[in-house]
Protein backbone atom coordinates (compact mmCIF):
# COMPACT_ATOMS: atom_id res chain seq x y z
CA MET A 1 -0.20 0.06 0.18
CA SER A 2 1.15 3.40 -1.02
CA PHE A 3 0.01 6.34 1.21
CA LYS A 4 -0.06 10.07 0.23
CA LYS A 5 -0.15 13.31 1.73
CA GLY A 6 -3.91 13.79 2.44
CA ASP A 7 -5.09 10.49 3.12
CA ILE A 8 -7.05 9.62 6.19
CA LEU A 9 -6.19 6.92 8.11
CA LEU A 10 -8.71 4.95 10.10
CA SER A 11 -7.74 2.75 13.09
CA GLN A 12 -9.14 -0.63 12.19
CA PRO A 13 -12.50 -1.37 14.16
CA PHE A 14 -10.79 -3.75 16.43
CA MET A 15 -7.36 -1.86 17.38
CA MET A 16 -7.10 -2.19 21.09
CA ASP A 17 -4.34 0.53 20.94
CA GLY A 18 -5.72 2.79 23.99
CA TYR A 19 -4.52 5.90 22.09
CA PHE A 20 -5.29 5.16 18.31
CA SER A 21 -8.73 3.02 19.08
CA HIS A 22 -11.33 4.78 16.71
CA SER A 23 -8.66 7.44 15.64
CA ALA A 24 -8.81 9.35 12.17
CA ILE A 25 -5.61 10.70 11.22
CA LEU A 26 -5.08 13.50 8.38
CA LEU A 27 -1.48 12.66 6.76
CA ALA A 28 0.36 15.42 6.45
CA GLU A 29 3.76 14.97 5.40
CA LEU A 30 5.44 11.73 3.82
CA ASN A 31 9.01 11.21 2.75
CA GLU A 32 11.92 8.85 2.80
CA GLU A 33 12.16 9.35 6.50
CA GLY A 34 8.51 8.46 7.68
CA ALA A 35 5.22 10.47 7.88
CA VAL A 36 3.58 13.00 10.08
CA GLY A 37 -0.23 13.28 10.66
CA PHE A 38 -2.77 14.84 13.11
CA VAL A 39 -5.56 12.95 14.84
CA ILE A 40 -8.75 15.05 13.72
CA ASN A 41 -11.17 13.87 15.70
CA ARG A 42 -10.09 14.20 19.55
CA PRO A 43 -11.02 17.55 20.76
CA VAL A 44 -9.63 18.80 24.35
CA GLU A 45 -12.06 20.76 26.13
CA ILE A 46 -9.17 23.41 26.35
CA LEU A 47 -9.22 26.84 24.00
CA VAL A 48 -6.13 27.65 22.19
CA ASP A 49 -5.80 31.12 23.38
CA GLU A 50 -5.84 29.51 27.20
CA ILE A 51 -2.40 27.19 26.09
CA ILE A 52 -0.58 30.12 24.32
CA PRO A 53 0.36 33.19 26.07
CA ASP A 54 -0.16 36.35 24.44
CA PHE A 55 -2.40 34.74 21.75
CA PRO A 56 -5.59 36.48 20.66
CA ASP A 57 -8.86 35.92 21.95
CA PHE A 58 -10.14 32.98 19.79
CA ASN A 59 -12.94 30.73 20.08
CA SER A 60 -11.17 27.70 19.01
CA ILE A 61 -10.71 24.45 20.96
CA ALA A 62 -7.24 22.47 20.75
CA TYR A 63 -7.49 18.89 19.56
CA MET A 64 -4.95 16.05 20.57
CA GLY A 65 -3.06 15.77 17.25
CA GLY A 66 -1.21 12.55 18.53
CA PRO A 67 1.26 11.33 21.26
CA VAL A 68 4.43 12.46 19.67
CA SER A 69 5.74 16.05 20.86
CA THR A 70 2.76 17.03 22.81
CA ASP A 71 4.49 20.26 23.72
CA THR A 72 4.04 21.41 20.47
CA LEU A 73 1.03 23.13 18.54
CA HIS A 74 0.45 22.90 14.99
CA TYR A 75 -2.40 23.93 12.99
CA VAL A 76 -3.95 22.69 9.61
CA HIS A 77 -5.80 25.40 7.82
CA ARG A 78 -7.51 26.34 4.75
CA VAL A 79 -6.20 30.23 4.32
CA GLY A 80 -2.53 29.05 3.30
CA GLU A 81 -2.81 32.03 0.39
CA LEU A 82 -2.76 34.31 3.51
CA LEU A 83 -0.11 33.00 5.96
CA ASP A 84 3.64 32.68 4.58
CA GLU A 85 5.23 29.24 5.31
CA SER A 86 2.44 27.56 5.05
CA ILE A 87 2.97 23.67 3.44
CA GLU A 88 0.01 22.72 1.42
CA ILE A 89 -0.98 18.90 2.38
CA ILE A 90 -3.53 18.62 -0.26
CA SER A 91 -5.54 21.14 -2.49
CA GLY A 92 -6.71 24.06 -0.42
CA ILE A 93 -5.58 22.44 2.73
CA PHE A 94 -2.11 23.60 4.29
CA TRP A 95 -0.22 22.81 7.59
CA GLY A 96 1.55 25.45 9.69
CA GLY A 97 2.74 28.79 8.53
CA ASN A 98 3.91 31.96 9.72
CA PHE A 99 2.93 31.94 13.69
CA GLU A 100 2.91 35.98 14.20
CA GLN A 101 1.38 36.51 10.82
CA LEU A 102 -1.57 34.03 12.14
CA LYS A 103 -1.63 35.90 15.24
CA ALA A 104 -2.23 39.05 13.41
CA LEU A 105 -4.91 37.81 11.19
CA ILE A 106 -6.64 36.22 14.16
CA ARG A 107 -6.74 39.75 15.72
CA GLN A 108 -7.98 41.47 12.55
CA GLY A 109 -11.06 39.26 12.12
CA ILE A 110 -9.46 37.50 9.08
CA ILE A 111 -8.95 34.09 10.08
CA THR A 112 -11.85 32.78 12.06
CA PRO A 113 -12.41 29.41 13.87
CA ASP A 114 -13.94 28.06 10.87
CA ASP A 115 -10.88 28.33 9.04
CA ILE A 116 -8.37 26.59 11.31
CA ARG A 117 -7.90 23.52 13.67
CA PHE A 118 -5.07 23.60 16.33
CA TYR A 119 -3.14 20.00 17.11
CA ILE A 120 -1.32 19.55 20.27
CA GLY A 121 1.44 17.16 19.16
CA TYR A 122 1.38 15.02 16.14
CA SER A 123 1.09 11.13 15.07
CA GLY A 124 4.11 9.94 13.51
CA TRP A 125 5.92 6.96 12.05
CA SER A 126 9.82 6.34 11.28
CA GLU A 127 11.06 4.98 7.84
CA GLY A 128 8.70 2.09 7.03
CA GLN A 129 6.72 1.81 10.50
CA LEU A 130 3.35 3.16 8.82
CA GLU A 131 3.76 0.57 6.05
CA GLY A 132 4.64 -2.36 8.33
CA GLU A 133 1.41 -1.29 10.50
CA TRP A 134 -0.46 -1.51 7.67
CA GLU A 135 0.81 -4.67 6.59
CA MET A 136 -0.28 -5.80 10.18
CA GLY A 137 -3.95 -4.47 9.47
CA SER A 138 -3.66 -1.52 12.29
CA TRP A 139 -5.26 0.99 9.51
CA LEU A 140 -7.48 1.37 7.03
CA ARG A 141 -7.30 4.36 4.36
CA ALA A 142 -9.89 6.99 3.35
CA ASP A 143 -9.98 9.30 1.06
CA PHE A 144 -9.88 13.27 2.28
CA ASP A 145 -12.88 15.44 2.39
CA MET A 146 -12.40 18.83 3.98
CA ASN A 147 -15.85 18.37 5.57
CA PHE A 148 -14.02 15.80 7.78
CA ILE A 149 -11.86 18.98 9.65
CA PHE A 150 -14.30 21.55 9.18
CA ASN A 151 -17.94 20.56 9.08
CA SER A 152 -18.10 17.33 11.16
CA GLU A 153 -18.60 16.51 14.76
CA PRO A 154 -15.18 15.30 15.84
CA GLU A 155 -16.53 12.50 17.86
CA ALA A 156 -18.71 10.98 15.46
CA LEU A 157 -16.21 11.39 12.44
CA TRP A 158 -14.39 7.80 12.84
CA LYS A 159 -17.72 6.21 12.32
CA LYS A 160 -18.93 8.27 9.61
CA ILE A 161 -15.72 7.43 7.67
CA LEU A 162 -15.72 3.85 8.17
CA SER A 163 -19.31 3.74 7.46
CA ALA A 164 -18.86 5.43 3.74
CA LYS A 165 -16.48 2.32 3.04
CA GLY A 166 -19.15 0.12 2.66
CA GLU A 167 -21.83 -2.34 4.01
CA ASN A 168 -19.31 -4.43 6.00
CA PHE A 169 -17.76 -1.48 7.67
CA THR A 170 -21.26 0.32 8.26
CA ILE A 171 -22.14 -2.58 10.33
CA ILE A 172 -19.22 -2.52 12.50
CA ALA A 173 -19.12 0.99 12.73
CA ASP A 174 -22.34 0.75 14.52
CA MET A 175 -21.57 -1.69 17.46
CA PRO A 176 -20.98 -0.31 20.65
CA SER A 177 -17.09 -0.10 21.25
CA ASP A 178 -17.84 -1.77 24.62
CA ASP A 179 -19.07 -4.49 22.64
CA LEU A 180 -15.57 -4.94 20.80
CA LEU A 181 -14.26 -6.07 24.08
CA ASN A 182 -16.51 -9.30 24.30
């Protein structure tokens, strides 16, 4: 299986890993050294402006992007043409960019919470690790849809994407997660 930037990784339905169970991950970077992604369906109950000193008032919650470098904050957005140094993940979706410029654009009301998602930490794989996990059956792949990040209820996102993969997956997605332990 070859992956590409912008793919969505879904944890397989019976994954028992406490961190990645029922997770949906946007792959933001792939190269010969490995991969970087962000769990897009794990909101935390803290506003971004409560995490970062001198950040403008901004009514946007943070998400737990992954278990790696949880002392870092990343952002995925759809305003790459406004932010210098943004990295395009897939058409219309960007990662990062000039942080001081971001704060100024937020203060001016040009960037709103509907344009951007913030992630604490990230999910990372070393060279060959993601492919190995794929071969072991840990992940399913899905095509990206901008609505996954900006117009979906995060808690229902894994089930929504899994159900869209077809009838057998719909049945599994509808199972209560506690039943997976029986």
